[in-house]
Amino acid sequence: MKILNLYAGIGGNRKFWGNEHDITAVEINPEIAKIYQDFFPNDKIIVADAHQFLLEHYKEFDFIWSSPPCQSHSRTNYFLKANGIIRYPDLKLYEEIIFLDFYFKGRWVVENVISYYNPLIEPFRIGRHYFWCNFRLIKIKQPDDEIGKMCGKNQKGHNKPIEERNAVKPEIGLHILKCAFKIKQTTIGGTNFTKSSADDFPTESLIIAKSNNPNPVIIQEESKI
């Protein structure tokens, strides 16, 4: 399977995807791209603008994961506003959601943090993340120590480097990939996951995200674990 990993960072979401896929990662920061390449030497890493790369190359892939920059959307903007720092939210996030929904024929997911404003398109939430996608997504119990461990350092979240704080927990990255292609889930690193296919649950246990999409995302309500 050909996978495009946009705004790849150091590859938190990709960590448990294995080496059987043809993965292209796009990261604009050369130093962070080098860290990604060290972690995943079999991947093709491209230093470029991920937003423009998506527009030019989306047809080449089966699955696209995009994690646009979150700073202008995050709830830290409450603090910044109180300190006189005011900025626009970067709406490239919604450009990519709309673009992928309309043009891309494969499976896709766009990830970001919980925003300080009401989302313009209703997302699905896992932990501190929002997800928009075109497949059935099952909510899972949030893994412990959600802010990543990619660099192997036992630090609290606020003490971790920004590239690690921005990384999606690897267990979540694998869970979402498996949901996209209905691959049976297993236990990973002590974290118990639900079944990956929403077809395994009765229809009445599913809720439909409010959307004008003729093929709306169907998600399962959070189970009590």
Protein backbone atom coordinates (compact mmCIF):
# COMPACT_ATOMS: atom_id res chain seq x y z
CA MET A 1 0.00 0.00 0.00
CA LYS A 2 1.24 3.49 -0.84
CA ILE A 3 0.94 5.86 2.11
CA LEU A 4 1.51 9.61 2.21
CA ASN A 5 2.39 10.99 5.65
CA LEU A 6 2.11 14.79 5.55
CA TYR A 7 3.63 17.16 8.12
CA ALA A 8 5.39 14.01 9.26
CA GLY A 9 7.41 15.49 12.12
CA ILE A 10 9.41 12.71 13.78
CA GLY A 11 6.82 10.08 12.83
CA GLY A 12 4.84 9.38 15.99
CA ASN A 13 1.75 8.32 14.06
CA ARG A 14 3.83 6.11 11.76
CA LYS A 15 5.88 4.23 14.38
CA PHE A 16 3.80 1.02 14.45
CA TRP A 17 2.89 0.91 10.73
CA GLY A 18 5.67 -1.59 10.01
CA ASN A 19 7.84 -1.81 6.91
CA GLU A 20 5.53 -3.60 4.49
CA HIS A 21 4.09 -0.36 3.09
CA ASP A 22 5.55 2.12 0.60
CA ILE A 23 5.57 5.26 2.77
CA THR A 24 6.40 8.79 1.66
CA ALA A 25 6.81 11.36 4.42
CA VAL A 26 6.80 15.12 3.85
CA GLU A 27 8.34 17.46 6.43
CA ILE A 28 9.40 21.06 5.83
CA ASN A 29 12.02 21.27 8.60
CA PRO A 30 15.27 19.55 7.45
CA GLU A 31 16.48 18.87 11.01
CA ILE A 32 13.22 17.17 11.99
CA ALA A 33 13.17 15.32 8.65
CA LYS A 34 16.61 13.92 9.52
CA ILE A 35 15.29 12.59 12.84
CA TYR A 36 12.38 10.96 10.98
CA GLN A 37 14.78 9.37 8.50
CA ASP A 38 16.89 7.97 11.32
CA PHE A 39 13.78 6.38 12.86
CA PHE A 40 12.42 5.07 9.53
CA PRO A 41 15.27 4.53 7.03
CA ASN A 42 13.01 2.58 4.65
CA ASP A 43 10.63 5.50 4.14
CA LYS A 44 11.05 8.11 1.44
CA ILE A 45 11.40 11.47 3.20
CA ILE A 46 10.85 14.69 1.27
CA VAL A 47 11.69 18.13 2.64
CA ALA A 48 8.94 20.28 1.18
CA ASP A 49 5.72 22.20 1.81
CA ALA A 50 3.24 19.43 2.65
CA HIS A 51 0.21 21.55 1.68
CA GLN A 52 1.50 22.05 -1.87
CA PHE A 53 2.80 18.48 -2.12
CA LEU A 54 -0.68 17.17 -1.37
CA LEU A 55 -2.17 19.23 -4.18
CA GLU A 56 0.38 17.97 -6.70
CA HIS A 57 0.71 14.29 -5.70
CA TYR A 58 -2.50 13.09 -3.98
CA LYS A 59 -3.41 10.75 -6.86
CA GLU A 60 -0.28 8.65 -6.28
CA PHE A 61 -1.37 7.20 -2.92
CA ASP A 62 -3.85 4.77 -1.37
CA PHE A 63 -3.93 6.30 2.12
CA ILE A 64 -3.16 9.88 3.17
CA TRP A 65 -2.53 11.08 6.71
CA SER A 66 -2.23 14.84 7.23
CA SER A 67 -1.41 16.64 10.48
CA PRO A 68 -1.29 20.37 9.63
CA PRO A 69 0.33 22.73 12.16
CA CYS A 70 -1.85 23.05 15.24
CA GLN A 71 -0.52 26.18 16.94
CA SER A 72 -3.06 28.62 15.50
CA HIS A 73 -5.96 26.30 16.42
CA SER A 74 -5.00 25.10 19.89
CA ARG A 75 -6.45 26.24 23.19
CA THR A 76 -3.15 27.91 24.05
CA ASN A 77 -4.60 30.85 22.10
CA TYR A 78 -6.61 31.70 25.22
CA PHE A 79 -3.32 32.35 27.01
CA LEU A 80 -1.85 34.20 24.05
CA LYS A 81 -4.90 36.46 23.77
CA ALA A 82 -4.61 37.34 27.45
CA ASN A 83 -1.03 38.39 26.75
CA GLY A 84 -1.92 40.53 23.75
CA ILE A 85 -0.87 38.03 21.06
CA ILE A 86 -3.58 37.86 18.41
CA ARG A 87 -3.50 35.84 15.18
CA TYR A 88 -5.70 34.25 12.54
CA PRO A 89 -6.35 30.51 12.65
CA ASP A 90 -4.61 28.86 9.70
CA LEU A 91 -7.47 27.62 7.53
CA LYS A 92 -5.23 25.38 5.44
CA LEU A 93 -6.52 22.74 7.87
CA TYR A 94 -10.02 23.01 6.41
CA GLU A 95 -8.72 23.46 2.87
CA GLU A 96 -7.18 19.99 3.13
CA ILE A 97 -10.28 18.39 4.65
CA ILE A 98 -12.50 19.76 1.88
CA PHE A 99 -9.95 18.97 -0.82
CA LEU A 100 -9.49 15.35 0.24
CA ASP A 101 -13.21 14.81 0.69
CA PHE A 102 -13.96 16.07 -2.83
CA TYR A 103 -10.98 14.88 -4.89
CA PHE A 104 -9.25 11.93 -3.25
CA LYS A 105 -10.54 8.43 -4.05
CA GLY A 106 -8.58 6.57 -1.36
CA ARG A 107 -8.77 6.58 2.43
CA TRP A 108 -7.69 9.72 4.24
CA VAL A 109 -7.49 11.26 7.70
CA VAL A 110 -6.66 14.78 8.85
CA GLU A 111 -5.53 15.23 12.47
CA ASN A 112 -5.30 18.29 14.66
CA VAL A 113 -5.63 19.33 18.29
CA ILE A 114 -8.84 20.30 20.04
CA SER A 115 -9.45 23.89 18.95
CA TYR A 116 -10.30 26.98 20.98
CA TYR A 117 -13.26 27.60 18.62
CA ASN A 118 -16.14 25.40 17.54
CA PRO A 119 -14.89 23.30 14.58
CA LEU A 120 -16.15 24.45 11.19
CA ILE A 121 -16.60 20.80 10.15
CA GLU A 122 -17.51 18.37 12.91
CA PRO A 123 -14.60 16.06 13.79
CA PHE A 124 -14.21 12.85 15.76
CA ARG A 125 -12.28 13.16 19.03
CA ILE A 126 -9.76 10.83 20.65
CA GLY A 127 -7.93 12.26 23.65
CA ARG A 128 -6.50 15.68 22.80
CA HIS A 129 -6.92 15.12 19.06
CA TYR A 130 -9.56 15.93 16.46
CA PHE A 131 -9.80 13.62 13.44
CA TRP A 132 -11.63 14.09 10.15
CA CYS A 133 -11.73 11.04 7.87
CA ASN A 134 -13.77 9.21 5.22
CA PHE A 135 -14.01 5.83 6.97
CA ARG A 136 -15.55 4.33 10.07
CA LEU A 137 -13.52 5.24 13.11
CA ILE A 138 -13.84 3.43 16.43
CA LYS A 139 -13.02 5.31 19.61
CA ILE A 140 -10.42 3.65 21.84
CA LYS A 141 -9.23 4.16 25.38
CA GLN A 142 -6.63 6.88 25.39
CA PRO A 143 -3.14 5.39 25.88
CA ASP A 144 -1.29 6.44 29.04
CA ASP A 145 1.24 9.29 28.82
CA GLU A 146 -0.37 10.49 25.64
CA ILE A 147 2.39 12.92 24.71
CA GLY A 148 4.91 10.80 22.81
CA LYS A 149 7.89 8.70 23.80
CA MET A 150 9.59 8.69 20.42
CA CYS A 151 12.93 9.86 21.78
CA GLY A 152 12.89 7.37 24.66
CA LYS A 153 13.03 10.01 27.38
CA ASN A 154 10.98 9.62 30.52
CA GLN A 155 9.81 13.24 30.80
CA LYS A 156 6.58 15.00 31.57
CA GLY A 157 4.80 16.40 28.52
CA HIS A 158 5.74 20.05 29.11
CA ASN A 159 9.44 19.12 29.37
CA LYS A 160 9.54 17.25 26.08
CA PRO A 161 10.88 18.84 22.88
CA ILE A 162 8.27 20.44 20.64
CA GLU A 163 8.70 17.83 17.89
CA GLU A 164 7.82 15.10 20.39
CA ARG A 165 4.91 17.00 21.94
CA ASN A 166 3.51 17.41 18.42
CA ALA A 167 3.75 13.68 17.69
CA VAL A 168 0.61 11.56 17.64
CA LYS A 169 0.77 8.60 20.01
CA PRO A 170 1.94 5.57 17.94
CA GLU A 171 -0.89 3.34 19.24
CA ILE A 172 -3.44 5.84 17.93
CA GLY A 173 -1.67 6.04 14.57
CA LEU A 174 -1.83 2.26 14.17
CA HIS A 175 -5.44 2.06 15.34
CA ILE A 176 -6.54 4.61 12.75
CA LEU A 177 -4.65 2.91 9.92
CA LYS A 178 -6.34 -0.37 10.84
CA CYS A 179 -9.75 1.28 11.03
CA ALA A 180 -9.21 2.68 7.54
CA PHE A 181 -8.68 -0.80 6.08
CA LYS A 182 -10.68 -2.89 8.58
CA ILE A 183 -7.69 -4.86 9.83
CA LYS A 184 -8.25 -6.92 12.97
CA GLN A 185 -6.83 -5.21 16.05
CA THR A 186 -4.53 -6.81 18.62
CA THR A 187 -3.08 -5.76 21.95
CA ILE A 188 0.00 -3.55 21.59
CA GLY A 189 2.27 -2.52 24.43
CA GLY A 190 -0.31 -3.38 27.06
CA THR A 191 -3.02 -1.19 25.49
CA ASN A 192 -6.26 -3.01 24.70
CA PHE A 193 -7.97 -1.88 21.51
CA THR A 194 -11.50 -2.46 20.33
CA LYS A 195 -12.27 -4.24 17.07
CA SER A 196 -11.28 -2.11 14.12
CA SER A 197 -14.35 -2.57 11.96
CA ALA A 198 -17.54 -0.72 12.87
CA ASP A 199 -19.39 -3.45 10.98
CA ASP A 200 -18.77 -5.65 14.03
CA PHE A 201 -21.10 -3.46 16.11
CA PRO A 202 -24.89 -3.19 15.89
CA THR A 203 -26.12 -0.25 13.82
CA GLU A 204 -27.89 1.35 16.77
CA SER A 205 -24.57 1.68 18.63
CA LEU A 206 -23.24 4.01 15.94
CA ILE A 207 -23.69 7.75 15.66
CA ILE A 208 -23.28 9.74 12.46
CA ALA A 209 -21.15 12.88 12.46
CA LYS A 210 -23.12 15.92 11.30
CA SER A 211 -21.89 16.70 7.82
CA ASN A 212 -23.03 17.53 4.33
CA ASN A 213 -20.86 14.67 3.12
CA PRO A 214 -23.06 12.15 1.28
CA ASN A 215 -20.84 9.44 2.82
CA PRO A 216 -20.67 10.65 6.43
CA VAL A 217 -18.17 9.35 8.92
CA ILE A 218 -19.80 6.83 11.26
CA ILE A 219 -18.30 6.51 14.68
CA GLN A 220 -18.99 4.41 17.73
CA GLU A 221 -19.81 6.03 21.01
CA GLU A 222 -17.01 5.68 23.56
CA SER A 223 -17.19 2.44 25.49
CA LYS A 224 -16.57 2.35 29.20
CA ILE A 225 -13.20 0.69 29.65
